[in-house]
PDB file of N, CA and C in Angstrom:
ATOM      1  N   MET A   1      -1.730 -18.020  -0.370  1.00  0.00           N
ATOM      2  CA  MET A   1      -2.352 -17.588  -1.598  1.00  0.00           C
ATOM      3  C   MET A   1      -3.785 -18.109  -1.625  1.00  0.00           C
ATOM      4  N   PRO A   2      -4.691 -17.277  -2.065  1.00  0.00           N
ATOM      5  CA  PRO A   2      -6.084 -17.742  -2.134  1.00  0.00           C
ATOM      6  C   PRO A   2      -6.259 -18.787  -3.239  1.00  0.00           C
ATOM      7  N   GLU A   3      -7.199 -19.656  -3.032  1.00  0.00           N
ATOM      8  CA  GLU A   3      -7.495 -20.670  -4.047  1.00  0.00           C
ATOM      9  C   GLU A   3      -8.035 -20.023  -5.316  1.00  0.00           C
ATOM     10  N   GLU A   4      -8.859 -19.004  -5.137  1.00  0.00           N
ATOM     11  CA  GLU A   4      -9.453 -18.311  -6.271  1.00  0.00           C
ATOM     12  C   GLU A   4      -9.201 -16.810  -6.109  1.00  0.00           C
ATOM     13  N   GLY A   5      -8.682 -16.193  -7.160  1.00  0.00           N
ATOM     14  CA  GLY A   5      -8.360 -14.771  -7.088  1.00  0.00           C
ATOM     15  C   GLY A   5      -9.590 -13.882  -7.153  1.00  0.00           C
ATOM     16  N   TRP A   6      -9.419 -12.625  -6.734  1.00  0.00           N
ATOM     17  CA  TRP A   6     -10.490 -11.640  -6.793  1.00  0.00           C
ATOM     18  C   TRP A   6     -10.619 -11.106  -8.219  1.00  0.00           C
ATOM     19  N   ASP A   7     -11.817 -10.651  -8.565  1.00  0.00           N
ATOM     20  CA  ASP A   7     -11.972 -10.004  -9.867  1.00  0.00           C
ATOM     21  C   ASP A   7     -11.488  -8.551  -9.755  1.00  0.00           C
ATOM     22  N   ASP A   8     -11.307  -7.909 -10.901  1.00  0.00           N
ATOM     23  CA  ASP A   8     -10.751  -6.553 -10.936  1.00  0.00           C
ATOM     24  C   ASP A   8     -11.540  -5.552 -10.103  1.00  0.00           C
ATOM     25  N   ARG A   9     -12.856  -5.651 -10.132  1.00  0.00           N
ATOM     26  CA  ARG A   9     -13.697  -4.714  -9.391  1.00  0.00           C
ATOM     27  C   ARG A   9     -13.418  -4.807  -7.891  1.00  0.00           C
ATOM     28  N   VAL A  10     -13.293  -6.017  -7.379  1.00  0.00           N
ATOM     29  CA  VAL A  10     -13.038  -6.216  -5.948  1.00  0.00           C
ATOM     30  C   VAL A  10     -11.637  -5.713  -5.581  1.00  0.00           C
ATOM     31  N   ILE A  11     -10.666  -5.979  -6.443  1.00  0.00           N
ATOM     32  CA  ILE A  11      -9.303  -5.504  -6.189  1.00  0.00           C
ATOM     33  C   ILE A  11      -9.274  -3.980  -6.154  1.00  0.00           C
ATOM     34  N   GLU A  12      -9.918  -3.341  -7.114  1.00  0.00           N
ATOM     35  CA  GLU A  12      -9.945  -1.877  -7.140  1.00  0.00           C
ATOM     36  C   GLU A  12     -10.641  -1.304  -5.911  1.00  0.00           C
ATOM     37  N   GLN A  13     -11.723  -1.922  -5.468  1.00  0.00           N
ATOM     38  CA  GLN A  13     -12.425  -1.466  -4.266  1.00  0.00           C
ATOM     39  C   GLN A  13     -11.533  -1.604  -3.033  1.00  0.00           C
ATOM     40  N   PHE A  14     -10.852  -2.733  -2.913  1.00  0.00           N
ATOM     41  CA  PHE A  14      -9.955  -2.977  -1.784  1.00  0.00           C
ATOM     42  C   PHE A  14      -8.831  -1.941  -1.756  1.00  0.00           C
ATOM     43  N   LEU A  15      -8.196  -1.706  -2.904  1.00  0.00           N
ATOM     44  CA  LEU A  15      -7.114  -0.724  -2.965  1.00  0.00           C
ATOM     45  C   LEU A  15      -7.621   0.685  -2.683  1.00  0.00           C
ATOM     46  N   SER A  16      -8.816   0.996  -3.129  1.00  0.00           N
ATOM     47  CA  SER A  16      -9.412   2.302  -2.858  1.00  0.00           C
ATOM     48  C   SER A  16      -9.650   2.488  -1.356  1.00  0.00           C
ATOM     49  N   GLU A  17     -10.129   1.441  -0.705  1.00  0.00           N
ATOM     50  CA  GLU A  17     -10.339   1.514   0.744  1.00  0.00           C
ATOM     51  C   GLU A  17      -9.016   1.671   1.488  1.00  0.00           C
ATOM     52  N   LEU A  18      -7.978   0.981   1.032  1.00  0.00           N
ATOM     53  CA  LEU A  18      -6.669   1.142   1.669  1.00  0.00           C
ATOM     54  C   LEU A  18      -6.139   2.556   1.474  1.00  0.00           C
ATOM     55  N   SER A  19      -6.270   3.081   0.259  1.00  0.00           N
ATOM     56  CA  SER A  19      -5.733   4.423   0.010  1.00  0.00           C
ATOM     57  C   SER A  19      -6.452   5.483   0.844  1.00  0.00           C
ATOM     58  N   ALA A  20      -7.715   5.252   1.160  1.00  0.00           N
ATOM     59  CA  ALA A  20      -8.470   6.197   1.988  1.00  0.00           C
ATOM     60  C   ALA A  20      -7.932   6.258   3.420  1.00  0.00           C
ATOM     61  N   MET A  21      -7.124   5.276   3.805  1.00  0.00           N
ATOM     62  CA  MET A  21      -6.544   5.243   5.143  1.00  0.00           C
ATOM     63  C   MET A  21      -5.261   6.072   5.244  1.00  0.00           C
ATOM     64  N   ASP A  22      -4.714   6.500   4.115  1.00  0.00           N
ATOM     65  CA  ASP A  22      -3.488   7.305   4.113  1.00  0.00           C
ATOM     66  C   ASP A  22      -3.834   8.777   4.329  1.00  0.00           C
ATOM     67  N   SER A  23      -3.111   9.413   5.219  1.00  0.00           N
ATOM     68  CA  SER A  23      -3.457  10.775   5.634  1.00  0.00           C
ATOM     69  C   SER A  23      -3.401  11.788   4.500  1.00  0.00           C
ATOM     70  N   ASN A  24      -2.589  11.547   3.469  1.00  0.00           N
ATOM     71  CA  ASN A  24      -2.542  12.521   2.379  1.00  0.00           C
ATOM     72  C   ASN A  24      -3.850  12.545   1.590  1.00  0.00           C
ATOM     73  N   ASN A  25      -4.721  11.564   1.809  1.00  0.00           N
ATOM     74  CA  ASN A  25      -6.018  11.534   1.132  1.00  0.00           C
ATOM     75  C   ASN A  25      -7.158  12.036   2.014  1.00  0.00           C
ATOM     76  N   PHE A  26      -6.856  12.473   3.224  1.00  0.00           N
ATOM     77  CA  PHE A  26      -7.889  13.052   4.086  1.00  0.00           C
ATOM     78  C   PHE A  26      -8.239  14.435   3.542  1.00  0.00           C
ATOM     79  N   PRO A  27      -9.520  14.718   3.332  1.00  0.00           N
ATOM     80  CA  PRO A  27      -9.907  16.006   2.725  1.00  0.00           C
ATOM     81  C   PRO A  27      -9.408  17.237   3.487  1.00  0.00           C
ATOM     82  N   GLU A  28      -9.349  17.163   4.801  1.00  0.00           N
ATOM     83  CA  GLU A  28      -8.981  18.334   5.594  1.00  0.00           C
ATOM     84  C   GLU A  28      -7.474  18.433   5.852  1.00  0.00           C
ATOM     85  N   ASN A  29      -6.704  17.476   5.340  1.00  0.00           N
ATOM     86  CA  ASN A  29      -5.273  17.422   5.639  1.00  0.00           C
ATOM     87  C   ASN A  29      -4.452  18.209   4.615  1.00  0.00           C
ATOM     88  N   ILE A  30      -3.471  18.942   5.128  1.00  0.00           N
ATOM     89  CA  ILE A  30      -2.472  19.587   4.285  1.00  0.00           C
ATOM     90  C   ILE A  30      -1.132  19.073   4.785  1.00  0.00           C
ATOM     91  N   GLY A  31      -0.613  18.051   4.114  1.00  0.00           N
ATOM     92  CA  GLY A  31       0.616  17.412   4.559  1.00  0.00           C
ATOM     93  C   GLY A  31       1.865  18.145   4.120  1.00  0.00           C
ATOM     94  N   VAL A  32       2.850  18.158   5.003  1.00  0.00           N
ATOM     95  CA  VAL A  32       4.121  18.789   4.679  1.00  0.00           C
ATOM     96  C   VAL A  32       5.296  17.854   4.947  1.00  0.00           C
ATOM     97  N   GLY A  33       5.019  16.611   5.311  1.00  0.00           N
ATOM     98  CA  GLY A  33       6.093  15.657   5.575  1.00  0.00           C
ATOM     99  C   GLY A  33       6.780  15.210   4.299  1.00  0.00           C
ATOM    100  N   GLU A  34       8.004  14.690   4.455  1.00  0.00           N
ATOM    101  CA  GLU A  34       8.772  14.299   3.268  1.00  0.00           C
ATOM    102  C   GLU A  34       8.199  13.069   2.565  1.00  0.00           C
ATOM    103  N   ARG A  35       7.376  12.270   3.252  1.00  0.00           N
ATOM    104  CA  ARG A  35       6.784  11.090   2.620  1.00  0.00           C
ATOM    105  C   ARG A  35       5.334  11.324   2.181  1.00  0.00           C
ATOM    106  N   GLU A  36       4.778  12.450   2.553  1.00  0.00           N
ATOM    107  CA  GLU A  36       3.382  12.728   2.212  1.00  0.00           C
ATOM    108  C   GLU A  36       3.280  13.175   0.760  1.00  0.00           C
ATOM    109  N   ALA A  37       2.345  12.573   0.057  1.00  0.00           N
ATOM    110  CA  ALA A  37       2.217  12.816  -1.375  1.00  0.00           C
ATOM    111  C   ALA A  37       1.590  14.170  -1.671  1.00  0.00           C
ATOM    112  N   ARG A  38       2.043  14.738  -2.746  1.00  0.00           N
ATOM    113  CA  ARG A  38       1.443  15.943  -3.308  1.00  0.00           C
ATOM    114  C   ARG A  38       1.337  15.691  -4.802  1.00  0.00           C
ATOM    115  N   VAL A  39       0.197  15.245  -5.252  1.00  0.00           N
ATOM    116  CA  VAL A  39       0.005  14.919  -6.662  1.00  0.00           C
ATOM    117  C   VAL A  39      -0.911  15.975  -7.266  1.00  0.00           C
ATOM    118  N   PHE A  40      -0.419  16.675  -8.260  1.00  0.00           N
ATOM    119  CA  PHE A  40      -1.181  17.746  -8.875  1.00  0.00           C
ATOM    120  C   PHE A  40      -2.247  17.211  -9.814  1.00  0.00           C
ATOM    121  N   SER A  41      -1.924  16.187 -10.570  1.00  0.00           N
ATOM    122  CA  SER A  41      -2.807  15.675 -11.604  1.00  0.00           C
ATOM    123  C   SER A  41      -3.778  14.628 -11.062  1.00  0.00           C
ATOM    124  N   SER A  42      -5.072  14.865 -11.244  1.00  0.00           N
ATOM    125  CA  SER A  42      -6.061  13.872 -10.823  1.00  0.00           C
ATOM    126  C   SER A  42      -5.954  12.610 -11.678  1.00  0.00           C
ATOM    127  N   LEU A  43      -5.487  12.739 -12.912  1.00  0.00           N
ATOM    128  CA  LEU A  43      -5.270  11.578 -13.771  1.00  0.00           C
ATOM    129  C   LEU A  43      -4.227  10.644 -13.157  1.00  0.00           C
ATOM    130  N   VAL A  44      -3.135  11.208 -12.674  1.00  0.00           N
ATOM    131  CA  VAL A  44      -2.088  10.409 -12.035  1.00  0.00           C
ATOM    132  C   VAL A  44      -2.616   9.781 -10.750  1.00  0.00           C
ATOM    133  N   SER A  45      -3.341  10.538  -9.970  1.00  0.00           N
ATOM    134  CA  SER A  45      -3.914  10.002  -8.724  1.00  0.00           C
ATOM    135  C   SER A  45      -4.829   8.819  -9.001  1.00  0.00           C
ATOM    136  N   ARG A  46      -5.718   8.970  -9.966  1.00  0.00           N
ATOM    137  CA  ARG A  46      -6.638   7.869 -10.303  1.00  0.00           C
ATOM    138  C   ARG A  46      -5.879   6.653 -10.816  1.00  0.00           C
ATOM    139  N   ARG A  47      -4.891   6.884 -11.658  1.00  0.00           N
ATOM    140  CA  ARG A  47      -4.119   5.774 -12.241  1.00  0.00           C
ATOM    141  C   ARG A  47      -3.448   4.946 -11.148  1.00  0.00           C
ATOM    142  N   HIS A  48      -3.039   5.588 -10.087  1.00  0.00           N
ATOM    143  CA  HIS A  48      -2.343   4.905  -8.992  1.00  0.00           C
ATOM    144  C   HIS A  48      -3.269   4.675  -7.795  1.00  0.00           C
ATOM    145  N   ILE A  49      -4.554   4.764  -8.028  1.00  0.00           N
ATOM    146  CA  ILE A  49      -5.592   4.529  -7.015  1.00  0.00           C
ATOM    147  C   ILE A  49      -5.291   5.320  -5.739  1.00  0.00           C
ATOM    148  N   TRP A  50      -4.826   6.543  -5.917  1.00  0.00           N
ATOM    149  CA  TRP A  50      -4.555   7.469  -4.814  1.00  0.00           C
ATOM    150  C   TRP A  50      -3.517   6.936  -3.840  1.00  0.00           C
ATOM    151  N   MET A  51      -2.731   5.942  -4.267  1.00  0.00           N
ATOM    152  CA  MET A  51      -1.644   5.410  -3.424  1.00  0.00           C
ATOM    153  C   MET A  51      -0.365   6.156  -3.776  1.00  0.00           C
ATOM    154  N   SER A  52      -0.006   7.119  -2.953  1.00  0.00           N
ATOM    155  CA  SER A  52       1.197   7.884  -3.252  1.00  0.00           C
ATOM    156  C   SER A  52       1.988   8.258  -1.998  1.00  0.00           C
ATOM    157  N   HIS A  53       1.508   7.875  -0.843  1.00  0.00           N
ATOM    158  CA  HIS A  53       2.217   8.180   0.403  1.00  0.00           C
ATOM    159  C   HIS A  53       3.377   7.217   0.572  1.00  0.00           C
ATOM    160  N   GLY A  54       4.497   7.709   1.028  1.00  0.00           N
ATOM    161  CA  GLY A  54       5.659   6.861   1.289  1.00  0.00           C
ATOM    162  C   GLY A  54       5.429   5.948   2.484  1.00  0.00           C
ATOM    163  N   ILE A  55       6.163   4.843   2.517  1.00  0.00           N
ATOM    164  CA  ILE A  55       6.056   3.908   3.633  1.00  0.00           C
ATOM    165  C   ILE A  55       7.377   3.882   4.378  1.00  0.00           C
ATOM    166  N   GLY A  56       7.380   3.249   5.539  1.00  0.00           N
ATOM    167  CA  GLY A  56       8.590   3.149   6.353  1.00  0.00           C
ATOM    168  C   GLY A  56       8.770   4.363   7.251  1.00  0.00           C
ATOM    169  N   ARG A  57       9.752   4.223   8.154  1.00  0.00           N
ATOM    170  CA  ARG A  57      10.063   5.304   9.099  1.00  0.00           C
ATOM    171  C   ARG A  57      11.544   5.290   9.413  1.00  0.00           C
ATOM    172  N   SER A  58      12.132   6.445   9.440  1.00  0.00           N
ATOM    173  CA  SER A  58      13.526   6.618   9.863  1.00  0.00           C
ATOM    174  C   SER A  58      14.464   5.607   9.210  1.00  0.00           C
ATOM    175  N   GLY A  59      14.320   5.426   7.913  1.00  0.00           N
ATOM    176  CA  GLY A  59      15.219   4.542   7.184  1.00  0.00           C
ATOM    177  C   GLY A  59      14.872   3.071   7.254  1.00  0.00           C
ATOM    178  N   ASP A  60      13.811   2.711   7.961  1.00  0.00           N
ATOM    179  CA  ASP A  60      13.407   1.305   8.069  1.00  0.00           C
ATOM    180  C   ASP A  60      12.151   1.086   7.241  1.00  0.00           C
ATOM    181  N   ILE A  61      12.300   0.448   6.086  1.00  0.00           N
ATOM    182  CA  ILE A  61      11.171   0.230   5.181  1.00  0.00           C
ATOM    183  C   ILE A  61      10.093  -0.652   5.812  1.00  0.00           C
ATOM    184  N   ASN A  62      10.477  -1.491   6.761  1.00  0.00           N
ATOM    185  CA  ASN A  62       9.519  -2.389   7.413  1.00  0.00           C
ATOM    186  C   ASN A  62       8.709  -1.722   8.518  1.00  0.00           C
ATOM    187  N   ALA A  63       9.143  -0.571   8.968  1.00  0.00           N
ATOM    188  CA  ALA A  63       8.445   0.110  10.056  1.00  0.00           C
ATOM    189  C   ALA A  63       7.110   0.669   9.560  1.00  0.00           C
ATOM    190  N   GLU A  64       6.105   0.563  10.391  1.00  0.00           N
ATOM    191  CA  GLU A  64       4.793   1.101  10.016  1.00  0.00           C
ATOM    192  C   GLU A  64       4.831   2.624   9.998  1.00  0.00           C
ATOM    193  N   GLN A  65       4.175   3.176   9.024  1.00  0.00           N
ATOM    194  CA  GLN A  65       4.057   4.632   8.894  1.00  0.00           C
ATOM    195  C   GLN A  65       2.638   4.997   9.310  1.00  0.00           C
ATOM    196  N   PRO A  66       2.464   5.589  10.509  1.00  0.00           N
ATOM    197  CA  PRO A  66       1.115   5.899  10.991  1.00  0.00           C
ATOM    198  C   PRO A  66       0.296   6.763  10.051  1.00  0.00           C
ATOM    199  N   LYS A  67       0.941   7.653   9.323  1.00  0.00           N
ATOM    200  CA  LYS A  67       0.204   8.515   8.406  1.00  0.00           C
ATOM    201  C   LYS A  67      -0.139   7.800   7.094  1.00  0.00           C
ATOM    202  N   ALA A  68       0.405   6.600   6.908  1.00  0.00           N
ATOM    203  CA  ALA A  68       0.142   5.821   5.691  1.00  0.00           C
ATOM    204  C   ALA A  68      -0.332   4.421   6.086  1.00  0.00           C
ATOM    205  N   ALA A  69      -1.399   4.374   6.853  1.00  0.00           N
ATOM    206  CA  ALA A  69      -1.885   3.084   7.362  1.00  0.00           C
ATOM    207  C   ALA A  69      -2.256   2.129   6.229  1.00  0.00           C
ATOM    208  N   GLY A  70      -2.927   2.623   5.200  1.00  0.00           N
ATOM    209  CA  GLY A  70      -3.326   1.773   4.085  1.00  0.00           C
ATOM    210  C   GLY A  70      -2.138   1.278   3.276  1.00  0.00           C
ATOM    211  N   SER A  71      -1.211   2.169   2.977  1.00  0.00           N
ATOM    212  CA  SER A  71      -0.014   1.783   2.226  1.00  0.00           C
ATOM    213  C   SER A  71       0.845   0.811   3.027  1.00  0.00           C
ATOM    214  N   SER A  72       0.961   1.044   4.333  1.00  0.00           N
ATOM    215  CA  SER A  72       1.731   0.133   5.189  1.00  0.00           C
ATOM    216  C   SER A  72       1.085  -1.251   5.235  1.00  0.00           C
ATOM    217  N   LEU A  73      -0.234  -1.282   5.319  1.00  0.00           N
ATOM    218  CA  LEU A  73      -0.949  -2.553   5.326  1.00  0.00           C
ATOM    219  C   LEU A  73      -0.768  -3.285   4.000  1.00  0.00           C
ATOM    220  N   LEU A  74      -0.848  -2.562   2.894  1.00  0.00           N
ATOM    221  CA  LEU A  74      -0.650  -3.177   1.580  1.00  0.00           C
ATOM    222  C   LEU A  74       0.766  -3.731   1.462  1.00  0.00           C
ATOM    223  N   TYR A  75       1.751  -3.012   1.972  1.00  0.00           N
ATOM    224  CA  TYR A  75       3.143  -3.478   1.963  1.00  0.00           C
ATOM    225  C   TYR A  75       3.273  -4.798   2.729  1.00  0.00           C
ATOM    226  N   LYS A  76       2.687  -4.865   3.912  1.00  0.00           N
ATOM    227  CA  LYS A  76       2.763  -6.093   4.715  1.00  0.00           C
ATOM    228  C   LYS A  76       2.028  -7.255   4.032  1.00  0.00           C
ATOM    229  N   LEU A  77       0.861  -6.983   3.477  1.00  0.00           N
ATOM    230  CA  LEU A  77       0.103  -8.011   2.775  1.00  0.00           C
ATOM    231  C   LEU A  77       0.893  -8.542   1.569  1.00  0.00           C
ATOM    232  N   THR A  78       1.504  -7.625   0.826  1.00  0.00           N
ATOM    233  CA  THR A  78       2.308  -8.019  -0.333  1.00  0.00           C
ATOM    234  C   THR A  78       3.467  -8.915   0.086  1.00  0.00           C
ATOM    235  N   ASN A  79       4.139  -8.561   1.178  1.00  0.00           N
ATOM    236  CA  ASN A  79       5.240  -9.390   1.669  1.00  0.00           C
ATOM    237  C   ASN A  79       4.763 -10.776   2.077  1.00  0.00           C
ATOM    238  N   CYS A  80       3.636 -10.845   2.772  1.00  0.00           N
ATOM    239  CA  CYS A  80       3.098 -12.145   3.194  1.00  0.00           C
ATOM    240  C   CYS A  80       2.730 -13.004   1.985  1.00  0.00           C
ATOM    241  N   MET A  81       2.091 -12.404   0.995  1.00  0.00           N
ATOM    242  CA  MET A  81       1.704 -13.157  -0.196  1.00  0.00           C
ATOM    243  C   MET A  81       2.931 -13.613  -0.982  1.00  0.00           C
ATOM    244  N   THR A  82       3.962 -12.774  -1.034  1.00  0.00           N
ATOM    245  CA  THR A  82       5.198 -13.156  -1.722  1.00  0.00           C
ATOM    246  C   THR A  82       5.878 -14.318  -1.017  1.00  0.00           C
ATOM    247  N   MET A  83       5.955 -14.258   0.306  1.00  0.00           N
ATOM    248  CA  MET A  83       6.560 -15.355   1.069  1.00  0.00           C
ATOM    249  C   MET A  83       5.774 -16.647   0.872  1.00  0.00           C
ATOM    250  N   ASP A  84       4.445 -16.545   0.824  1.00  0.00           N
ATOM    251  CA  ASP A  84       3.607 -17.721   0.601  1.00  0.00           C
ATOM    252  C   ASP A  84       3.851 -18.284  -0.795  1.00  0.00           C
ATOM    253  N   ALA A  85       3.951 -17.414  -1.799  1.00  0.00           N
ATOM    254  CA  ALA A  85       4.216 -17.872  -3.169  1.00  0.00           C
ATOM    255  C   ALA A  85       5.569 -18.561  -3.266  1.00  0.00           C
ATOM    256  N   LEU A  86       6.573 -18.019  -2.585  1.00  0.00           N
ATOM    257  CA  LEU A  86       7.891 -18.649  -2.582  1.00  0.00           C
ATOM    258  C   LEU A  86       7.834 -20.019  -1.901  1.00  0.00           C
ATOM    259  N   HIS A  87       7.075 -20.108  -0.835  1.00  0.00           N
ATOM    260  CA  HIS A  87       6.908 -21.383  -0.128  1.00  0.00           C
ATOM    261  C   HIS A  87       6.227 -22.411  -1.035  1.00  0.00           C
ATOM    262  N   ILE A  88       5.153 -21.994  -1.718  1.00  0.00           N
ATOM    263  CA  ILE A  88       4.435 -22.876  -2.630  1.00  0.00           C
ATOM    264  C   ILE A  88       5.368 -23.340  -3.770  1.00  0.00           C
ATOM    265  N   ALA A  89       6.238 -22.454  -4.217  1.00  0.00           N
ATOM    266  CA  ALA A  89       7.168 -22.765  -5.301  1.00  0.00           C
ATOM    267  C   ALA A  89       8.297 -23.680  -4.853  1.00  0.00           C
ATOM    268  N   GLY A  90       8.394 -23.913  -3.551  1.00  0.00           N
ATOM    269  CA  GLY A  90       9.417 -24.816  -3.038  1.00  0.00           C
ATOM    270  C   GLY A  90      10.698 -24.138  -2.618  1.00  0.00           C
ATOM    271  N   THR A  91      10.732 -22.828  -2.636  1.00  0.00           N
ATOM    272  CA  THR A  91      11.898 -22.109  -2.151  1.00  0.00           C
ATOM    273  C   THR A  91      11.629 -21.651  -0.727  1.00  0.00           C
ATOM    274  N   TYR A  92      12.596 -21.728   0.088  1.00  0.00           N
ATOM    275  CA  TYR A  92      12.431 -21.357   1.488  1.00  0.00           C
ATOM    276  C   TYR A  92      13.440 -20.269   1.821  1.00  0.00           C
ATOM    277  N   PRO A  93      13.028 -19.030   1.656  1.00  0.00           N
ATOM    278  CA  PRO A  93      13.973 -17.937   1.910  1.00  0.00           C
ATOM    279  C   PRO A  93      14.359 -17.849   3.382  1.00  0.00           C
ATOM    280  N   THR A  94      15.583 -17.451   3.614  1.00  0.00           N
ATOM    281  CA  THR A  94      15.994 -17.203   4.988  1.00  0.00           C
ATOM    282  C   THR A  94      15.380 -15.890   5.404  1.00  0.00           C
ATOM    283  N   HIS A  95      14.855 -15.865   6.573  1.00  0.00           N
ATOM    284  CA  HIS A  95      14.068 -14.714   7.010  1.00  0.00           C
ATOM    285  C   HIS A  95      14.660 -14.160   8.269  1.00  0.00           C
TER     286      HIS A  95
END
Protein backbone atom coordinates (compact mmCIF):
# COMPACT_ATOMS: atom_id res chain seq x y z
CA MET A 1 0.00 0.00 0.00
CA PRO A 2 1.33 3.44 -0.79
CA GLU A 3 2.18 5.73 2.08
CA GLU A 4 0.15 8.52 0.50
CA GLY A 5 -2.85 7.94 -1.75
CA TRP A 6 -3.43 9.50 -5.16
CA ASP A 7 -5.88 12.35 -5.60
CA ASP A 8 -9.07 11.80 -7.62
CA ARG A 9 -7.69 13.41 -10.78
CA VAL A 10 -4.69 11.05 -10.87
CA ILE A 11 -6.88 8.01 -10.19
CA GLU A 12 -9.27 8.97 -12.99
CA GLN A 13 -6.37 9.51 -15.41
CA PHE A 14 -4.84 6.14 -14.50
CA LEU A 15 -8.16 4.31 -14.96
CA SER A 16 -8.74 6.12 -18.26
CA GLU A 17 -5.33 4.99 -19.51
CA LEU A 18 -6.07 1.41 -18.48
CA SER A 19 -9.46 1.42 -20.17
CA ALA A 20 -7.83 2.63 -23.41
CA MET A 21 -5.89 -0.66 -23.43
CA ASP A 22 -9.09 -2.75 -23.74
CA SER A 23 -9.92 -3.68 -27.31
CA ASN A 24 -13.60 -2.75 -27.02
CA ASN A 25 -12.43 0.87 -26.71
CA PHE A 26 -10.34 0.83 -29.90
CA PRO A 27 -12.06 3.19 -32.38
CA GLU A 28 -11.69 0.81 -35.34
CA ASN A 29 -12.77 -2.32 -33.44
CA ILE A 30 -16.14 -4.02 -33.76
CA GLY A 31 -16.10 -6.72 -31.10
CA VAL A 32 -18.30 -9.78 -31.21
CA GLY A 33 -16.80 -11.84 -28.39
CA GLU A 34 -18.86 -12.83 -25.37
CA ARG A 35 -16.70 -10.72 -23.02
CA GLU A 36 -16.41 -7.67 -25.26
CA ALA A 37 -18.51 -4.77 -24.08
CA ARG A 38 -21.27 -3.17 -26.06
CA VAL A 39 -22.48 -0.13 -24.14
CA PHE A 40 -25.09 1.98 -25.87
CA SER A 41 -25.20 4.87 -23.42
CA SER A 42 -22.23 7.24 -23.28
CA LEU A 43 -23.42 8.21 -19.78
CA VAL A 44 -22.93 4.63 -18.60
CA SER A 45 -19.55 4.41 -20.32
CA ARG A 46 -18.32 7.61 -18.68
CA ARG A 47 -19.65 6.57 -15.26
CA HIS A 48 -17.62 3.36 -15.45
CA ILE A 49 -14.59 5.06 -17.04
CA TRP A 50 -15.09 2.92 -20.17
CA MET A 51 -14.23 -0.22 -18.17
CA SER A 52 -16.70 -2.78 -19.43
CA HIS A 53 -14.70 -5.60 -21.01
CA GLY A 54 -14.84 -8.95 -19.23
CA ILE A 55 -11.72 -10.46 -17.70
CA GLY A 56 -10.46 -14.04 -17.51
CA ARG A 57 -10.33 -16.81 -20.09
CA SER A 58 -12.01 -20.17 -20.45
CA GLY A 59 -13.52 -20.12 -16.98
CA ASP A 60 -10.32 -18.97 -15.24
CA ILE A 61 -10.82 -15.51 -13.73
CA ASN A 62 -7.07 -15.24 -13.07
CA ALA A 63 -6.09 -15.82 -16.69
CA GLU A 64 -5.07 -12.74 -18.64
CA GLN A 65 -7.49 -11.61 -21.31
CA PRO A 66 -5.41 -10.28 -24.23
CA LYS A 67 -8.29 -8.19 -25.54
CA ALA A 68 -8.73 -6.62 -22.08
CA ALA A 69 -5.15 -5.73 -21.18
CA GLY A 70 -6.14 -2.72 -19.05
CA SER A 71 -8.92 -4.53 -17.19
CA SER A 72 -6.66 -7.54 -16.60
CA LEU A 73 -3.92 -5.28 -15.25
CA LEU A 74 -6.38 -3.51 -12.95
CA TYR A 75 -7.59 -6.91 -11.69
CA LYS A 76 -4.03 -8.00 -10.86
CA LEU A 77 -3.20 -4.66 -9.21
CA THR A 78 -6.38 -4.86 -7.11
CA ASN A 79 -5.47 -8.37 -5.96
CA CYS A 80 -1.94 -7.31 -5.01
CA MET A 81 -3.20 -4.29 -3.07
CA THR A 82 -5.81 -6.43 -1.29
CA MET A 83 -3.20 -9.01 -0.29
CA ASP A 84 -0.95 -6.21 0.98
CA ALA A 85 -3.82 -4.70 3.00
CA LEU A 86 -4.58 -8.10 4.53
CA HIS A 87 -0.90 -8.51 5.40
CA ILE A 88 -0.79 -5.04 7.00
CA ALA A 89 -3.95 -5.92 8.97
CA GLY A 90 -2.18 -8.98 10.37
CA THR A 91 -4.12 -11.62 8.48
CA TYR A 92 -2.16 -14.04 6.37
CA PRO A 93 -4.41 -15.65 3.80
CA THR A 94 -3.49 -19.03 2.43
CA HIS A 95 -2.58 -18.55 -1.17
